[in-house]
Amino acid sequence: MAQSIKQLHAQIQAMPSDSVKAIVLSWLNQSNGNLSDFERLIAEIAEETEGYQWGEIDTANEFQPLSEEQMIANSLAALQDYQTNKTGIGHDRVKQWADSLGSDRELPCPQ
């Protein structure tokens, strides 16, 4: 085994829970329970997600990286704001905007 249990533990701790679940299910279905197979699956997932970051686009249309915890907090704050004020952007407006992305006539993001 190339990595120590401690190193595997650290990698797993840093992964989103749905990724860990997918790895475990894949490992259980496709191996005989060999820990090196588990290690290989973790390495494959790490390679696939390398460079992926949580974040948001700021008012200057620049990407601002955020931690997963910050993204969750932002989402919960937006939900709370919606539940409190009962205001939001309608599905139709969001769909029109999303459908326009990549076209010659992109619409501005609804505010």
N, C-alpha and C. Protein backbone atom coordinates (compact mmCIF):
# COMPACT_ATOMS: atom_id res chain seq x y z
N MET A 1 0.86 -1.18 0.00
CA MET A 1 0.00 0.00 0.00
C MET A 1 0.90 1.23 0.00
N ALA A 2 0.72 2.09 -1.00
CA ALA A 2 1.59 3.25 -1.17
C ALA A 2 1.33 4.33 -0.13
N GLN A 3 0.10 4.48 0.32
CA GLN A 3 -0.23 5.52 1.28
C GLN A 3 -0.51 4.91 2.65
N SER A 4 -0.25 5.68 3.66
CA SER A 4 -0.59 5.23 5.00
C SER A 4 -2.09 5.42 5.23
N ILE A 5 -2.61 4.74 6.22
CA ILE A 5 -4.01 4.89 6.60
C ILE A 5 -4.29 6.34 6.97
N LYS A 6 -3.31 6.99 7.61
CA LYS A 6 -3.47 8.40 8.00
C LYS A 6 -3.66 9.29 6.76
N GLN A 7 -2.87 9.02 5.72
CA GLN A 7 -2.99 9.81 4.49
C GLN A 7 -4.34 9.58 3.81
N LEU A 8 -4.77 8.31 3.78
CA LEU A 8 -6.09 8.01 3.20
C LEU A 8 -7.18 8.71 4.00
N HIS A 9 -7.06 8.67 5.31
CA HIS A 9 -8.04 9.32 6.19
C HIS A 9 -8.13 10.82 5.86
N ALA A 10 -6.99 11.47 5.71
CA ALA A 10 -6.97 12.91 5.41
C ALA A 10 -7.62 13.19 4.07
N GLN A 11 -7.35 12.35 3.07
CA GLN A 11 -7.96 12.54 1.75
C GLN A 11 -9.48 12.39 1.83
N ILE A 12 -9.92 11.37 2.55
CA ILE A 12 -11.36 11.12 2.66
C ILE A 12 -12.04 12.26 3.41
N GLN A 13 -11.42 12.76 4.47
CA GLN A 13 -11.98 13.86 5.24
C GLN A 13 -12.20 15.09 4.38
N ALA A 14 -11.32 15.32 3.41
CA ALA A 14 -11.39 16.52 2.57
C ALA A 14 -12.41 16.38 1.44
N MET A 15 -12.91 15.17 1.19
CA MET A 15 -13.82 14.94 0.07
C MET A 15 -15.26 15.21 0.46
N PRO A 16 -16.08 15.65 -0.51
CA PRO A 16 -17.52 15.76 -0.24
C PRO A 16 -18.10 14.37 0.04
N SER A 17 -19.11 14.32 0.89
CA SER A 17 -19.66 13.03 1.32
C SER A 17 -20.20 12.20 0.16
N ASP A 18 -20.78 12.85 -0.86
CA ASP A 18 -21.31 12.08 -1.99
C ASP A 18 -20.19 11.40 -2.78
N SER A 19 -19.01 12.01 -2.82
CA SER A 19 -17.86 11.39 -3.49
C SER A 19 -17.38 10.17 -2.71
N VAL A 20 -17.34 10.31 -1.39
CA VAL A 20 -16.91 9.18 -0.55
C VAL A 20 -17.89 8.02 -0.71
N LYS A 21 -19.18 8.33 -0.71
CA LYS A 21 -20.20 7.29 -0.87
C LYS A 21 -20.02 6.58 -2.22
N ALA A 22 -19.78 7.33 -3.28
CA ALA A 22 -19.60 6.74 -4.61
C ALA A 22 -18.37 5.84 -4.64
N ILE A 23 -17.29 6.27 -4.00
CA ILE A 23 -16.07 5.46 -3.97
C ILE A 23 -16.31 4.17 -3.22
N VAL A 24 -16.93 4.26 -2.05
CA VAL A 24 -17.17 3.06 -1.24
C VAL A 24 -18.07 2.08 -1.99
N LEU A 25 -19.15 2.58 -2.61
CA LEU A 25 -20.03 1.70 -3.35
C LEU A 25 -19.32 1.04 -4.53
N SER A 26 -18.52 1.82 -5.24
CA SER A 26 -17.75 1.28 -6.35
C SER A 26 -16.77 0.22 -5.86
N TRP A 27 -16.10 0.51 -4.77
CA TRP A 27 -15.13 -0.42 -4.19
C TRP A 27 -15.80 -1.72 -3.77
N LEU A 28 -16.96 -1.62 -3.13
CA LEU A 28 -17.67 -2.81 -2.67
C LEU A 28 -18.18 -3.65 -3.84
N ASN A 29 -18.59 -2.98 -4.91
CA ASN A 29 -19.15 -3.69 -6.07
C ASN A 29 -18.10 -4.23 -7.02
N GLN A 30 -16.89 -3.62 -7.04
CA GLN A 30 -15.93 -3.97 -8.08
C GLN A 30 -14.63 -4.55 -7.55
N SER A 31 -14.54 -4.84 -6.27
CA SER A 31 -13.29 -5.40 -5.77
C SER A 31 -13.58 -6.47 -4.74
N ASN A 32 -12.52 -7.14 -4.34
CA ASN A 32 -12.67 -8.17 -3.32
C ASN A 32 -12.39 -7.61 -1.92
N GLY A 33 -12.46 -6.30 -1.78
CA GLY A 33 -12.23 -5.67 -0.48
C GLY A 33 -10.77 -5.31 -0.24
N ASN A 34 -9.96 -5.36 -1.28
CA ASN A 34 -8.55 -5.04 -1.17
C ASN A 34 -8.38 -3.53 -0.94
N LEU A 35 -7.64 -3.16 0.09
CA LEU A 35 -7.45 -1.74 0.42
C LEU A 35 -6.72 -0.99 -0.68
N SER A 36 -5.86 -1.66 -1.43
CA SER A 36 -5.16 -0.97 -2.52
C SER A 36 -6.14 -0.58 -3.63
N ASP A 37 -7.20 -1.37 -3.83
CA ASP A 37 -8.23 -0.98 -4.79
C ASP A 37 -8.94 0.29 -4.32
N PHE A 38 -9.20 0.36 -3.03
CA PHE A 38 -9.85 1.54 -2.45
C PHE A 38 -8.96 2.77 -2.64
N GLU A 39 -7.67 2.59 -2.39
CA GLU A 39 -6.71 3.67 -2.56
C GLU A 39 -6.67 4.15 -4.01
N ARG A 40 -6.73 3.20 -4.95
CA ARG A 40 -6.72 3.54 -6.37
C ARG A 40 -7.95 4.36 -6.73
N LEU A 41 -9.12 3.96 -6.22
CA LEU A 41 -10.35 4.70 -6.50
C LEU A 41 -10.28 6.13 -5.96
N ILE A 42 -9.73 6.30 -4.78
CA ILE A 42 -9.58 7.64 -4.21
C ILE A 42 -8.68 8.49 -5.09
N ALA A 43 -7.58 7.90 -5.55
CA ALA A 43 -6.65 8.63 -6.42
C ALA A 43 -7.32 9.03 -7.73
N GLU A 44 -8.14 8.15 -8.30
CA GLU A 44 -8.84 8.46 -9.54
C GLU A 44 -9.81 9.63 -9.36
N ILE A 45 -10.55 9.61 -8.26
CA ILE A 45 -11.50 10.69 -7.98
C ILE A 45 -10.74 12.00 -7.76
N ALA A 46 -9.62 11.93 -7.05
CA ALA A 46 -8.83 13.14 -6.79
C ALA A 46 -8.34 13.74 -8.11
N GLU A 47 -7.93 12.90 -9.06
CA GLU A 47 -7.48 13.39 -10.36
C GLU A 47 -8.62 14.03 -11.13
N GLU A 48 -9.81 13.42 -11.06
CA GLU A 48 -10.98 13.95 -11.78
C GLU A 48 -11.41 15.31 -11.26
N THR A 49 -11.28 15.52 -9.95
CA THR A 49 -11.76 16.76 -9.36
C THR A 49 -10.67 17.79 -9.15
N GLU A 50 -9.43 17.46 -9.53
CA GLU A 50 -8.33 18.40 -9.36
C GLU A 50 -8.61 19.69 -10.12
N GLY A 51 -8.41 20.81 -9.47
CA GLY A 51 -8.65 22.10 -10.08
C GLY A 51 -10.07 22.60 -9.89
N TYR A 52 -10.96 21.75 -9.42
CA TYR A 52 -12.34 22.16 -9.18
C TYR A 52 -12.40 22.99 -7.91
N GLN A 53 -13.08 24.10 -7.99
CA GLN A 53 -13.19 24.97 -6.82
C GLN A 53 -14.62 25.42 -6.63
N TRP A 54 -14.98 25.62 -5.37
CA TRP A 54 -16.25 26.26 -5.03
C TRP A 54 -16.04 27.76 -5.19
N GLY A 55 -17.07 28.48 -5.56
CA GLY A 55 -16.91 29.92 -5.66
C GLY A 55 -18.16 30.60 -6.19
N GLU A 56 -17.99 31.87 -6.42
CA GLU A 56 -19.08 32.67 -6.94
C GLU A 56 -18.51 33.73 -7.87
N ILE A 57 -19.38 34.28 -8.67
CA ILE A 57 -19.00 35.37 -9.57
C ILE A 57 -19.38 36.67 -8.87
N ASP A 58 -18.40 37.57 -8.72
CA ASP A 58 -18.66 38.83 -8.02
C ASP A 58 -19.28 39.85 -8.98
N THR A 59 -19.51 41.06 -8.48
CA THR A 59 -20.17 42.09 -9.28
C THR A 59 -19.33 42.55 -10.48
N ALA A 60 -18.03 42.27 -10.45
CA ALA A 60 -17.17 42.60 -11.59
C ALA A 60 -17.02 41.41 -12.53
N ASN A 61 -17.90 40.41 -12.35
CA ASN A 61 -17.87 39.18 -13.16
C ASN A 61 -16.56 38.40 -13.02
N GLU A 62 -15.95 38.48 -11.85
CA GLU A 62 -14.73 37.74 -11.56
C GLU A 62 -15.05 36.58 -10.63
N PHE A 63 -14.40 35.45 -10.86
CA PHE A 63 -14.60 34.28 -10.00
C PHE A 63 -13.89 34.50 -8.67
N GLN A 64 -14.62 34.31 -7.61
CA GLN A 64 -14.06 34.41 -6.26
C GLN A 64 -14.17 33.05 -5.59
N PRO A 65 -13.02 32.39 -5.33
CA PRO A 65 -13.10 31.08 -4.70
C PRO A 65 -13.66 31.17 -3.28
N LEU A 66 -14.46 30.18 -2.92
CA LEU A 66 -15.04 30.07 -1.59
C LEU A 66 -14.88 28.63 -1.13
N SER A 67 -14.86 28.44 0.17
CA SER A 67 -14.82 27.07 0.69
C SER A 67 -16.22 26.47 0.57
N GLU A 68 -16.30 25.17 0.70
CA GLU A 68 -17.60 24.51 0.66
C GLU A 68 -18.48 25.04 1.78
N GLU A 69 -17.89 25.28 2.94
CA GLU A 69 -18.65 25.80 4.08
C GLU A 69 -19.21 27.19 3.77
N GLN A 70 -18.42 28.03 3.11
CA GLN A 70 -18.90 29.37 2.74
C GLN A 70 -20.03 29.27 1.72
N MET A 71 -19.92 28.35 0.78
CA MET A 71 -20.98 28.16 -0.22
C MET A 71 -22.27 27.71 0.46
N ILE A 72 -22.15 26.79 1.40
CA ILE A 72 -23.34 26.32 2.12
C ILE A 72 -23.96 27.47 2.91
N ALA A 73 -23.12 28.25 3.60
CA ALA A 73 -23.62 29.39 4.38
C ALA A 73 -24.33 30.39 3.47
N ASN A 74 -23.76 30.68 2.30
CA ASN A 74 -24.39 31.60 1.35
C ASN A 74 -25.74 31.07 0.88
N SER A 75 -25.80 29.78 0.61
CA SER A 75 -27.06 29.18 0.15
C SER A 75 -28.12 29.23 1.25
N LEU A 76 -27.73 28.93 2.48
CA LEU A 76 -28.67 28.99 3.59
C LEU A 76 -29.15 30.42 3.84
N ALA A 77 -28.25 31.40 3.69
CA ALA A 77 -28.64 32.80 3.86
C ALA A 77 -29.63 33.22 2.77
N ALA A 78 -29.39 32.78 1.54
CA ALA A 78 -30.32 33.10 0.44
C ALA A 78 -31.68 32.46 0.68
N LEU A 79 -31.68 31.22 1.15
CA LEU A 79 -32.95 30.55 1.46
C LEU A 79 -33.69 31.28 2.58
N GLN A 80 -32.96 31.67 3.62
CA GLN A 80 -33.57 32.40 4.73
C GLN A 80 -34.15 33.73 4.25
N ASP A 81 -33.41 34.43 3.39
CA ASP A 81 -33.88 35.69 2.84
C ASP A 81 -35.17 35.47 2.04
N TYR A 82 -35.18 34.42 1.24
CA TYR A 82 -36.38 34.12 0.46
C TYR A 82 -37.56 33.81 1.37
N GLN A 83 -37.33 32.97 2.38
CA GLN A 83 -38.41 32.59 3.28
C GLN A 83 -38.93 33.79 4.08
N THR A 84 -38.05 34.72 4.42
CA THR A 84 -38.44 35.89 5.18
C THR A 84 -39.17 36.91 4.32
N ASN A 85 -38.60 37.22 3.16
CA ASN A 85 -39.13 38.30 2.32
C ASN A 85 -40.08 37.84 1.22
N LYS A 86 -40.09 36.53 0.95
CA LYS A 86 -40.95 35.97 -0.10
C LYS A 86 -40.69 36.61 -1.46
N THR A 87 -39.44 36.98 -1.69
CA THR A 87 -39.08 37.53 -3.00
C THR A 87 -37.99 36.67 -3.61
N GLY A 88 -37.95 36.65 -4.90
CA GLY A 88 -36.93 35.88 -5.60
C GLY A 88 -37.05 36.13 -7.08
N ILE A 89 -36.30 35.39 -7.85
CA ILE A 89 -36.30 35.50 -9.30
C ILE A 89 -37.10 34.33 -9.83
N GLY A 90 -38.07 34.62 -10.66
CA GLY A 90 -38.94 33.59 -11.21
C GLY A 90 -38.19 32.59 -12.08
N HIS A 91 -38.70 31.37 -12.08
CA HIS A 91 -38.09 30.29 -12.86
C HIS A 91 -37.98 30.66 -14.34
N ASP A 92 -39.03 31.27 -14.88
CA ASP A 92 -39.02 31.62 -16.31
C ASP A 92 -37.88 32.57 -16.65
N ARG A 93 -37.63 33.56 -15.78
CA ARG A 93 -36.54 34.52 -16.04
C ARG A 93 -35.18 33.83 -15.96
N VAL A 94 -35.02 32.94 -15.00
CA VAL A 94 -33.75 32.21 -14.87
C VAL A 94 -33.56 31.30 -16.08
N LYS A 95 -34.62 30.62 -16.50
CA LYS A 95 -34.54 29.73 -17.66
C LYS A 95 -34.17 30.50 -18.92
N GLN A 96 -34.81 31.65 -19.15
CA GLN A 96 -34.48 32.47 -20.32
C GLN A 96 -33.00 32.86 -20.30
N TRP A 97 -32.54 33.28 -19.14
CA TRP A 97 -31.13 33.68 -19.02
C TRP A 97 -30.22 32.47 -19.29
N ALA A 98 -30.51 31.33 -18.65
CA ALA A 98 -29.66 30.14 -18.82
C ALA A 98 -29.66 29.68 -20.27
N ASP A 99 -30.82 29.71 -20.91
CA ASP A 99 -30.91 29.31 -22.32
C ASP A 99 -30.13 30.24 -23.23
N SER A 100 -29.94 31.50 -22.82
CA SER A 100 -29.23 32.46 -23.67
C SER A 100 -27.70 32.32 -23.56
N LEU A 101 -27.24 31.65 -22.51
CA LEU A 101 -25.79 31.53 -22.31
C LEU A 101 -25.14 30.82 -23.50
N GLY A 102 -24.04 31.37 -23.98
CA GLY A 102 -23.33 30.79 -25.11
C GLY A 102 -23.88 31.19 -26.46
N SER A 103 -24.98 31.94 -26.46
CA SER A 103 -25.55 32.39 -27.73
C SER A 103 -24.99 33.77 -28.08
N ASP A 104 -25.34 34.23 -29.26
CA ASP A 104 -24.93 35.56 -29.69
C ASP A 104 -25.66 36.66 -28.92
N ARG A 105 -26.74 36.32 -28.27
CA ARG A 105 -27.57 37.30 -27.56
C ARG A 105 -27.74 36.89 -26.09
N GLU A 106 -26.63 36.79 -25.39
CA GLU A 106 -26.70 36.44 -23.98
C GLU A 106 -27.42 37.53 -23.20
N LEU A 107 -28.30 37.10 -22.33
CA LEU A 107 -29.03 38.05 -21.47
C LEU A 107 -28.21 38.27 -20.19
N PRO A 108 -28.39 39.44 -19.58
CA PRO A 108 -27.69 39.66 -18.30
C PRO A 108 -28.30 38.75 -17.22
N CYS A 109 -27.48 38.38 -16.28
CA CYS A 109 -27.95 37.54 -15.18
C CYS A 109 -29.06 38.25 -14.42
N PRO A 110 -30.20 37.58 -14.21
CA PRO A 110 -31.29 38.25 -13.48
C PRO A 110 -30.89 38.57 -12.06
N GLN A 111 -31.30 39.74 -11.59
CA GLN A 111 -30.96 40.17 -10.23
C GLN A 111 -32.19 40.18 -9.37
